[in-house]
Amino acid sequence: MDCGTCDSASPVMMVKPEEVEVNLTMTEKAVAMLEDAFGDDRSHALLVGVLSGGCSGYMYDLQIVESTEQAVQELDISGFRVLVPSASSHLLDGIEIDYVDRLMGGGFKINNPNAESSCGCGESFS
């Protein structure tokens, strides 16, 4: 509602990112860790997503799910269902999912050739 005393702001333009066909890879260590996590049960999938936040703008989000309400691309990588939300496909195309052992425990690491920058922890990017 415009009261007539303030300048009206111009409308905000929302731009929907273009969906791209995602290509991603997993290292042998990442596949081995998924085999340990999933066992023989392949009814679940690995959801590889992106959240807004972190110290660089975006954070990677890995979840094991049965299904999702999001529009996703479904990939088969080494016998595992990998789901990538269509809305973040442009951010995740070309990534490599790795598993690294660390002194204080291990974890999945995303190598993203499209990231302009990333933080020291390796969990966020821009």
C-alpha atoms as a PDB file:
ATOM      1  CA  MET A   1       0.000   0.000   0.000  1.00  0.00           C
ATOM      2  CA  ASP A   2       1.377   3.409  -0.983  1.00  0.00           C
ATOM      3  CA  CYS A   3       0.640   6.264   1.413  1.00  0.00           C
ATOM      4  CA  GLY A   4       1.871   8.885  -1.068  1.00  0.00           C
ATOM      5  CA  THR A   5       4.632  10.239   1.187  1.00  0.00           C
ATOM      6  CA  CYS A   6       7.409   7.791   0.319  1.00  0.00           C
ATOM      7  CA  ASP A   7       9.078   6.961  -2.938  1.00  0.00           C
ATOM      8  CA  SER A   8       7.834   3.641  -4.194  1.00  0.00           C
ATOM      9  CA  ALA A   9      10.430   0.980  -4.631  1.00  0.00           C
ATOM     10  CA  SER A  10      10.717  -0.647  -8.005  1.00  0.00           C
ATOM     11  CA  PRO A  11       9.453  -4.210  -8.197  1.00  0.00           C
ATOM     12  CA  VAL A  12      11.875  -6.991  -7.336  1.00  0.00           C
ATOM     13  CA  MET A  13      12.720  -9.192 -10.297  1.00  0.00           C
ATOM     14  CA  MET A  14      12.997 -12.885  -9.473  1.00  0.00           C
ATOM     15  CA  VAL A  15      15.176 -14.867 -11.833  1.00  0.00           C
ATOM     16  CA  LYS A  16      14.749 -18.624 -11.871  1.00  0.00           C
ATOM     17  CA  PRO A  17      18.105 -20.307 -12.514  1.00  0.00           C
ATOM     18  CA  GLU A  18      18.363 -22.393 -15.639  1.00  0.00           C
ATOM     19  CA  GLU A  19      18.191 -26.123 -15.009  1.00  0.00           C
ATOM     20  CA  VAL A  20      21.160 -28.019 -16.431  1.00  0.00           C
ATOM     21  CA  GLU A  21      21.707 -31.733 -16.838  1.00  0.00           C
ATOM     22  CA  VAL A  22      23.940 -32.650 -13.910  1.00  0.00           C
ATOM     23  CA  ASN A  23      27.063 -34.733 -14.299  1.00  0.00           C
ATOM     24  CA  LEU A  24      28.782 -35.681 -11.076  1.00  0.00           C
ATOM     25  CA  THR A  25      31.313 -38.247  -9.987  1.00  0.00           C
ATOM     26  CA  MET A  26      32.222 -40.062  -6.777  1.00  0.00           C
ATOM     27  CA  THR A  27      35.641 -41.259  -5.710  1.00  0.00           C
ATOM     28  CA  GLU A  28      36.216 -44.870  -4.720  1.00  0.00           C
ATOM     29  CA  LYS A  29      36.456 -43.810  -1.056  1.00  0.00           C
ATOM     30  CA  ALA A  30      33.053 -42.074  -1.225  1.00  0.00           C
ATOM     31  CA  VAL A  31      31.475 -45.135  -2.845  1.00  0.00           C
ATOM     32  CA  ALA A  32      32.997 -47.365  -0.144  1.00  0.00           C
ATOM     33  CA  MET A  33      31.531 -45.155   2.598  1.00  0.00           C
ATOM     34  CA  LEU A  34      28.097 -45.255   0.942  1.00  0.00           C
ATOM     35  CA  GLU A  35      28.337 -49.045   0.741  1.00  0.00           C
ATOM     36  CA  ASP A  36      28.981 -49.104   4.493  1.00  0.00           C
ATOM     37  CA  ALA A  37      26.071 -46.724   5.156  1.00  0.00           C
ATOM     38  CA  PHE A  38      23.529 -48.355   2.828  1.00  0.00           C
ATOM     39  CA  GLY A  39      24.544 -52.005   3.124  1.00  0.00           C
ATOM     40  CA  ASP A  40      22.477 -54.062   0.687  1.00  0.00           C
ATOM     41  CA  ASP A  41      19.478 -51.707   0.956  1.00  0.00           C
ATOM     42  CA  ARG A  42      19.228 -49.583  -2.179  1.00  0.00           C
ATOM     43  CA  SER A  43      15.701 -48.310  -1.447  1.00  0.00           C
ATOM     44  CA  HIS A  44      17.128 -45.029  -0.146  1.00  0.00           C
ATOM     45  CA  ALA A  45      18.967 -42.353  -2.101  1.00  0.00           C
ATOM     46  CA  LEU A  46      21.672 -39.787  -1.495  1.00  0.00           C
ATOM     47  CA  LEU A  47      20.200 -36.291  -1.860  1.00  0.00           C
ATOM     48  CA  VAL A  48      22.920 -33.808  -2.826  1.00  0.00           C
ATOM     49  CA  GLY A  49      21.647 -30.281  -2.316  1.00  0.00           C
ATOM     50  CA  VAL A  50      22.627 -26.714  -1.616  1.00  0.00           C
ATOM     51  CA  LEU A  51      21.465 -24.475   1.222  1.00  0.00           C
ATOM     52  CA  SER A  52      21.793 -20.729   1.441  1.00  0.00           C
ATOM     53  CA  GLY A  53      24.269 -19.774   4.150  1.00  0.00           C
ATOM     54  CA  GLY A  54      27.717 -20.620   5.347  1.00  0.00           C
ATOM     55  CA  CYS A  55      30.672 -18.293   5.263  1.00  0.00           C
ATOM     56  CA  SER A  56      30.823 -18.180   1.453  1.00  0.00           C
ATOM     57  CA  GLY A  57      27.132 -17.946   0.473  1.00  0.00           C
ATOM     58  CA  TYR A  58      26.073 -21.567  -0.089  1.00  0.00           C
ATOM     59  CA  MET A  59      26.497 -24.767   1.916  1.00  0.00           C
ATOM     60  CA  TYR A  60      26.436 -28.330   0.636  1.00  0.00           C
ATOM     61  CA  ASP A  61      23.691 -30.518   2.058  1.00  0.00           C
ATOM     62  CA  LEU A  62      23.969 -34.327   1.868  1.00  0.00           C
ATOM     63  CA  GLN A  63      21.071 -36.433   3.148  1.00  0.00           C
ATOM     64  CA  ILE A  64      19.994 -40.045   2.896  1.00  0.00           C
ATOM     65  CA  VAL A  65      16.311 -40.045   1.941  1.00  0.00           C
ATOM     66  CA  GLU A  66      13.618 -42.445   0.770  1.00  0.00           C
ATOM     67  CA  SER A  67      12.041 -39.801  -1.450  1.00  0.00           C
ATOM     68  CA  THR A  68      11.627 -36.053  -1.732  1.00  0.00           C
ATOM     69  CA  GLU A  69       8.892 -33.631  -2.748  1.00  0.00           C
ATOM     70  CA  GLN A  70      11.416 -31.506  -4.665  1.00  0.00           C
ATOM     71  CA  ALA A  71      11.804 -31.704  -8.437  1.00  0.00           C
ATOM     72  CA  VAL A  72      15.050 -33.651  -8.823  1.00  0.00           C
ATOM     73  CA  GLN A  73      17.303 -35.286 -11.338  1.00  0.00           C
ATOM     74  CA  GLU A  74      18.000 -38.914 -10.481  1.00  0.00           C
ATOM     75  CA  LEU A  75      21.413 -40.338 -11.291  1.00  0.00           C
ATOM     76  CA  ASP A  76      22.765 -43.858 -10.883  1.00  0.00           C
ATOM     77  CA  ILE A  77      26.336 -43.785  -9.656  1.00  0.00           C
ATOM     78  CA  SER A  78      27.994 -47.102  -8.831  1.00  0.00           C
ATOM     79  CA  GLY A  79      24.569 -48.623  -8.122  1.00  0.00           C
ATOM     80  CA  PHE A  80      23.445 -45.799  -5.799  1.00  0.00           C
ATOM     81  CA  ARG A  81      20.512 -43.486  -6.463  1.00  0.00           C
ATOM     82  CA  VAL A  82      21.763 -39.907  -6.288  1.00  0.00           C
ATOM     83  CA  LEU A  83      19.163 -37.126  -6.314  1.00  0.00           C
ATOM     84  CA  VAL A  84      20.036 -33.544  -7.270  1.00  0.00           C
ATOM     85  CA  PRO A  85      17.391 -30.822  -6.872  1.00  0.00           C
ATOM     86  CA  SER A  86      16.656 -29.239 -10.243  1.00  0.00           C
ATOM     87  CA  ALA A  87      16.760 -25.753  -8.693  1.00  0.00           C
ATOM     88  CA  SER A  88      20.427 -26.228  -7.684  1.00  0.00           C
ATOM     89  CA  SER A  89      21.554 -28.158 -10.753  1.00  0.00           C
ATOM     90  CA  HIS A  90      23.535 -25.183 -12.093  1.00  0.00           C
ATOM     91  CA  LEU A  91      25.528 -25.069  -8.828  1.00  0.00           C
ATOM     92  CA  LEU A  92      26.228 -28.809  -8.641  1.00  0.00           C
ATOM     93  CA  ASP A  93      27.034 -29.748 -12.233  1.00  0.00           C
ATOM     94  CA  GLY A  94      30.514 -31.230 -12.490  1.00  0.00           C
ATOM     95  CA  ILE A  95      31.109 -31.816  -8.767  1.00  0.00           C
ATOM     96  CA  GLU A  96      33.079 -34.707  -7.366  1.00  0.00           C
ATOM     97  CA  ILE A  97      32.000 -36.276  -4.081  1.00  0.00           C
ATOM     98  CA  ASP A  98      34.959 -37.546  -2.095  1.00  0.00           C
ATOM     99  CA  TYR A  99      35.455 -38.965   1.387  1.00  0.00           C
ATOM    100  CA  VAL A 100      38.447 -37.798   3.406  1.00  0.00           C
ATOM    101  CA  ASP A 101      39.882 -39.123   6.653  1.00  0.00           C
ATOM    102  CA  ARG A 102      40.729 -36.427   9.162  1.00  0.00           C
ATOM    103  CA  LEU A 103      42.469 -36.427  12.503  1.00  0.00           C
ATOM    104  CA  MET A 104      39.163 -35.725  14.275  1.00  0.00           C
ATOM    105  CA  GLY A 105      37.047 -38.041  12.090  1.00  0.00           C
ATOM    106  CA  GLY A 106      36.241 -38.196   8.420  1.00  0.00           C
ATOM    107  CA  GLY A 107      33.593 -36.793   6.194  1.00  0.00           C
ATOM    108  CA  PHE A 108      32.362 -36.266   2.699  1.00  0.00           C
ATOM    109  CA  LYS A 109      34.034 -33.491   0.750  1.00  0.00           C
ATOM    110  CA  ILE A 110      32.686 -31.832  -2.373  1.00  0.00           C
ATOM    111  CA  ASN A 111      35.154 -30.744  -5.037  1.00  0.00           C
ATOM    112  CA  ASN A 112      33.355 -28.130  -7.130  1.00  0.00           C
ATOM    113  CA  PRO A 113      35.144 -26.782 -10.223  1.00  0.00           C
ATOM    114  CA  ASN A 114      32.408 -24.129 -10.637  1.00  0.00           C
ATOM    115  CA  ALA A 115      32.895 -22.533  -7.208  1.00  0.00           C
ATOM    116  CA  GLU A 116      34.413 -19.069  -7.418  1.00  0.00           C
ATOM    117  CA  SER A 117      35.561 -19.328  -3.817  1.00  0.00           C
ATOM    118  CA  SER A 118      35.167 -21.608  -0.830  1.00  0.00           C
ATOM    119  CA  CYS A 119      35.795 -21.378   2.872  1.00  0.00           C
ATOM    120  CA  GLY A 120      38.554 -23.076   4.823  1.00  0.00           C
ATOM    121  CA  CYS A 121      36.243 -25.764   6.181  1.00  0.00           C
ATOM    122  CA  GLY A 122      35.304 -26.832   2.632  1.00  0.00           C
ATOM    123  CA  GLU A 123      31.607 -26.920   3.462  1.00  0.00           C
ATOM    124  CA  SER A 124      30.538 -23.671   1.824  1.00  0.00           C
ATOM    125  CA  PHE A 125      31.171 -21.964  -1.505  1.00  0.00           C
ATOM    126  CA  SER A 126      30.146 -19.127  -3.751  1.00  0.00           C
END
